N, C-alpha and C. Protein backbone atom coordinates (compact mmCIF):
# COMPACT_ATOMS: atom_id res chain seq x y z
N MET A 1 6.35 -1.04 -8.31
CA MET A 1 6.99 -0.02 -7.74
C MET A 1 5.69 1.14 -7.16
N LEU A 2 4.50 0.58 -7.65
CA LEU A 2 3.35 1.32 -6.50
C LEU A 2 3.56 1.18 -5.32
N ILE A 3 3.89 0.38 -5.37
CA ILE A 3 3.62 0.05 -3.25
C ILE A 3 5.00 0.90 -3.18
N LYS A 4 6.28 0.44 -2.97
CA LYS A 4 7.17 1.09 -2.75
C LYS A 4 6.99 2.73 -2.16
N ASN A 5 6.34 3.20 -3.41
CA ASN A 5 6.24 4.50 -3.35
C ASN A 5 4.73 4.68 -2.09
N LYS A 6 4.26 4.40 -2.13
CA LYS A 6 2.72 4.09 -1.92
C LYS A 6 3.30 3.93 -0.05
N ALA A 7 3.60 2.90 -0.35
CA ALA A 7 4.63 2.52 1.17
C ALA A 7 5.55 3.92 2.22
N GLU A 8 6.62 4.73 1.92
CA GLU A 8 7.16 5.57 1.22
C GLU A 8 5.98 6.90 2.12
N LYS A 9 5.58 6.61 1.40
CA LYS A 9 4.58 8.03 1.99
C LYS A 9 3.95 7.38 2.97
N THR A 10 3.78 6.83 3.36
CA THR A 10 2.57 6.55 4.41
C THR A 10 2.94 6.46 5.47
N PHE A 11 4.18 5.47 5.51
CA PHE A 11 5.00 5.55 6.52
C PHE A 11 5.73 6.60 6.47
N LYS A 12 6.43 7.38 6.39
CA LYS A 12 6.52 8.87 6.42
C LYS A 12 4.97 9.99 7.30
N LYS A 13 4.08 9.48 6.90
CA LYS A 13 3.16 10.18 7.68
C LYS A 13 2.96 9.82 8.96
N ILE A 14 2.77 8.82 8.93
CA ILE A 14 2.57 7.94 10.10
C ILE A 14 3.90 8.08 11.51
N GLY A 15 5.19 8.07 10.74
CA GLY A 15 5.86 8.07 10.99
C GLY A 15 6.81 7.22 11.11
N LEU A 16 6.28 6.00 10.97
CA LEU A 16 7.18 4.98 10.83
C LEU A 16 9.26 5.31 10.20
N GLU A 17 10.08 5.02 10.61
CA GLU A 17 11.23 4.99 9.53
C GLU A 17 11.42 3.57 9.55
N ALA A 18 11.82 3.60 7.65
CA ALA A 18 11.88 1.87 7.04
C ALA A 18 13.15 2.11 6.10
N THR A 19 13.57 1.16 5.45
CA THR A 19 14.13 0.96 4.18
C THR A 19 13.31 -0.05 2.82
N PHE A 20 13.19 0.94 2.64
CA PHE A 20 12.11 -0.06 1.11
C PHE A 20 12.80 -0.22 0.01
N ASP A 21 12.54 -1.08 -0.71
CA ASP A 21 13.48 -1.93 -1.72
C ASP A 21 12.09 -2.75 -3.06
N HIS A 22 12.43 -2.86 -4.33
CA HIS A 22 11.27 -2.80 -4.92
C HIS A 22 12.09 -4.18 -5.25
N SER A 23 10.72 -5.18 -5.92
CA SER A 23 11.75 -6.43 -7.44
C SER A 23 10.59 -6.98 -7.43
N GLY A 24 10.83 -7.80 -9.32
CA GLY A 24 9.94 -8.57 -9.18
C GLY A 24 9.55 -9.50 -8.25
N LEU A 25 8.48 -10.61 -8.67
CA LEU A 25 8.20 -11.78 -7.80
C LEU A 25 9.11 -12.27 -7.92
N ASP A 26 9.42 -13.20 -8.02
CA ASP A 26 10.38 -14.13 -8.36
C ASP A 26 11.55 -13.69 -7.29
N GLU A 27 11.65 -12.46 -7.72
CA GLU A 27 13.57 -11.69 -6.65
C GLU A 27 12.44 -11.33 -5.60
N ALA A 28 11.23 -11.27 -5.24
CA ALA A 28 11.37 -10.99 -4.51
C ALA A 28 10.18 -11.71 -3.54
N ALA A 29 10.33 -13.26 -3.33
CA ALA A 29 9.81 -14.20 -3.03
C ALA A 29 10.83 -14.65 -2.81
N ALA A 30 12.13 -15.38 -3.01
CA ALA A 30 13.27 -15.66 -2.98
C ALA A 30 14.00 -15.15 -1.91
N ALA A 31 14.01 -13.41 -1.61
CA ALA A 31 14.27 -13.07 -0.75
C ALA A 31 13.33 -12.60 0.78
N ALA A 32 12.33 -12.81 0.82
CA ALA A 32 11.29 -12.19 1.50
C ALA A 32 11.28 -12.58 3.02
N ALA A 33 12.67 -13.22 2.88
CA ALA A 33 13.05 -13.54 4.21
C ALA A 33 13.86 -12.86 5.29
N GLN A 34 14.55 -11.90 4.50
CA GLN A 34 15.33 -11.04 4.86
C GLN A 34 14.92 -9.43 5.29
N TYR A 35 13.39 -9.59 5.14
CA TYR A 35 12.97 -8.10 5.41
C TYR A 35 11.92 -8.93 6.97
N ASP A 36 11.42 -7.57 7.35
CA ASP A 36 10.92 -7.91 8.49
C ASP A 36 9.26 -7.54 8.06
N LEU A 37 8.86 -6.77 6.16
CA LEU A 37 7.61 -6.46 5.90
C LEU A 37 7.71 -6.59 4.44
N VAL A 38 6.43 -7.61 3.39
CA VAL A 38 6.39 -7.59 2.52
C VAL A 38 5.17 -6.74 2.27
N PHE A 39 4.64 -6.29 1.69
CA PHE A 39 3.59 -5.52 1.04
C PHE A 39 3.31 -6.08 -0.29
N THR A 40 2.70 -7.05 -1.04
CA THR A 40 1.87 -7.91 -2.06
C THR A 40 0.41 -7.45 -3.02
N PRO A 41 0.44 -7.25 -3.67
CA PRO A 41 -0.75 -7.46 -4.10
C PRO A 41 -1.85 -8.80 -3.45
N MET A 42 -2.99 -8.87 -3.68
CA MET A 42 -3.45 -10.02 -2.44
C MET A 42 -3.54 -10.89 -3.21
N ASN A 43 -3.15 -11.42 -4.99
CA ASN A 43 -3.31 -12.52 -5.21
C ASN A 43 -2.57 -13.01 -5.62
N LEU A 44 -1.22 -12.46 -5.50
CA LEU A 44 -0.51 -12.40 -5.28
C LEU A 44 0.99 -13.71 -4.12
N VAL A 45 0.19 -13.70 -2.63
CA VAL A 45 0.68 -13.83 -1.59
C VAL A 45 0.83 -15.39 -0.72
N ASN A 46 0.04 -15.47 -2.48
CA ASN A 46 0.23 -17.83 -2.19
C ASN A 46 1.79 -17.67 -2.57
N GLN A 47 2.72 -16.80 -3.55
CA GLN A 47 3.65 -16.97 -3.82
C GLN A 47 4.66 -17.05 -3.06
N PHE A 48 5.19 -16.56 -2.02
CA PHE A 48 5.58 -16.12 -0.81
C PHE A 48 4.90 -17.35 -0.04
N HIS A 49 6.74 -18.41 -0.36
CA HIS A 49 6.99 -19.50 0.48
C HIS A 49 7.75 -19.82 1.87
N LEU A 50 7.15 -18.99 2.85
CA LEU A 50 8.48 -19.14 3.91
C LEU A 50 8.59 -20.01 4.97
N PRO A 51 9.54 -19.96 5.58
CA PRO A 51 9.05 -21.28 6.76
C PRO A 51 8.63 -20.93 8.20
N LYS A 52 7.86 -21.58 8.69
CA LYS A 52 7.09 -21.27 10.18
C LYS A 52 8.08 -20.58 11.07
N SER A 53 9.16 -20.75 10.57
CA SER A 53 10.15 -19.95 11.98
C SER A 53 11.04 -18.16 11.73
N CYS A 54 10.03 -18.33 10.17
CA CYS A 54 10.49 -16.51 9.60
C CYS A 54 9.17 -16.15 10.46
N ALA A 55 10.45 -14.10 10.89
CA ALA A 55 9.31 -13.35 11.56
C ALA A 55 8.64 -12.94 10.49
N THR A 56 9.38 -12.89 8.54
CA THR A 56 8.54 -12.33 8.10
C THR A 56 7.34 -12.19 7.62
N LYS A 57 6.71 -10.56 8.05
CA LYS A 57 5.04 -10.25 7.77
C LYS A 57 5.19 -10.23 5.99
N VAL A 58 4.18 -10.67 5.48
CA VAL A 58 3.56 -10.70 3.65
C VAL A 58 1.80 -10.26 4.16
N ILE A 59 2.32 -9.22 3.16
CA ILE A 59 0.85 -8.37 3.72
C ILE A 59 -0.20 -8.23 2.81
N GLY A 60 -0.50 -8.93 2.55
CA GLY A 60 -1.88 -8.81 1.27
C GLY A 60 -2.45 -7.61 0.43
N MET A 61 -2.54 -6.78 -0.22
CA MET A 61 -3.40 -5.12 -0.34
C MET A 61 -4.72 -5.95 -1.50
N VAL A 62 -5.50 -5.31 -1.09
CA VAL A 62 -6.71 -5.65 -2.07
C VAL A 62 -6.82 -4.43 -2.93
N ASN A 63 -6.48 -2.92 -2.57
CA ASN A 63 -5.74 -2.02 -3.16
C ASN A 63 -3.97 -1.39 -3.09
N VAL A 64 -3.16 -2.02 -4.05
CA VAL A 64 -2.05 -1.11 -3.41
C VAL A 64 -2.30 0.02 -3.34
N LEU A 65 -2.54 0.88 -4.19
CA LEU A 65 -2.80 2.00 -3.41
C LEU A 65 -3.61 2.94 -2.34
N SER A 66 -4.43 2.29 -1.68
CA SER A 66 -4.96 2.87 -0.62
C SER A 66 -4.01 2.94 1.09
N GLU A 67 -3.79 4.33 0.63
CA GLU A 67 -2.83 4.29 2.11
C GLU A 67 -3.93 4.08 3.87
N GLN A 68 -5.30 4.22 3.17
CA GLN A 68 -5.71 3.58 4.74
C GLN A 68 -5.91 2.22 4.44
N GLU A 69 -5.56 1.12 3.58
CA GLU A 69 -5.76 0.02 3.49
C GLU A 69 -4.40 -0.33 3.92
N MET A 70 -3.39 0.32 3.68
CA MET A 70 -1.81 -0.18 4.48
C MET A 70 -2.09 0.13 5.68
N ILE A 71 -2.08 1.64 5.96
CA ILE A 71 -2.13 2.12 7.56
C ILE A 71 -3.56 0.28 8.59
N GLU A 72 -4.42 0.42 8.12
CA GLU A 72 -5.11 -0.96 8.68
C GLU A 72 -4.36 -2.21 9.06
N LYS A 73 -3.47 -2.33 7.82
CA LYS A 73 -2.85 -4.08 7.80
C LYS A 73 -1.57 -4.45 9.10
N LEU A 74 -1.08 -2.70 8.88
CA LEU A 74 -0.14 -2.39 9.76
C LEU A 74 -0.43 -2.43 11.13
N ARG A 75 -1.31 -1.52 11.06
CA ARG A 75 -1.98 -2.17 12.92
C ARG A 75 -2.62 -3.23 12.58
N ALA A 76 -3.02 -3.41 12.30
CA ALA A 76 -3.15 -5.21 12.26
C ALA A 76 -2.05 -6.79 12.39
N ASN A 77 -1.43 -5.98 12.09
CA ASN A 77 -0.18 -7.08 12.24
C ASN A 77 0.92 -6.40 13.41
N GLY A 78 0.70 -5.48 13.99
CA GLY A 78 1.32 -5.21 15.06
C GLY A 78 2.60 -3.99 14.83
N PHE A 79 2.61 -3.61 14.06
CA PHE A 79 3.58 -2.33 13.69
C PHE A 79 3.32 -1.27 14.29
N ILE A 80 1.97 -0.38 14.74
CA ILE A 80 1.11 0.76 14.67
C ILE A 80 0.46 0.26 15.60
N GLU A 81 0.40 1.38 16.24
CA GLU A 81 -0.80 0.89 17.38
C GLU A 81 -2.10 1.79 16.98
């Protein structure tokens, strides 16, 4: 829930519109391919097994409460300039 709340605030601040969901790891890993973007703690990135043809970006966060890190990761993955 912390990542969802931080993402909502960060996206609003930088002017990106998005729909946000929150779930446990098992559910998130199973449903990840339905989303454009998934934020997760860095140590859980390897739990997401997506086919190479899947366009979903799974982004690991060192500090899930860091607005600056989230913005940097969005920029690095082409979601913002």
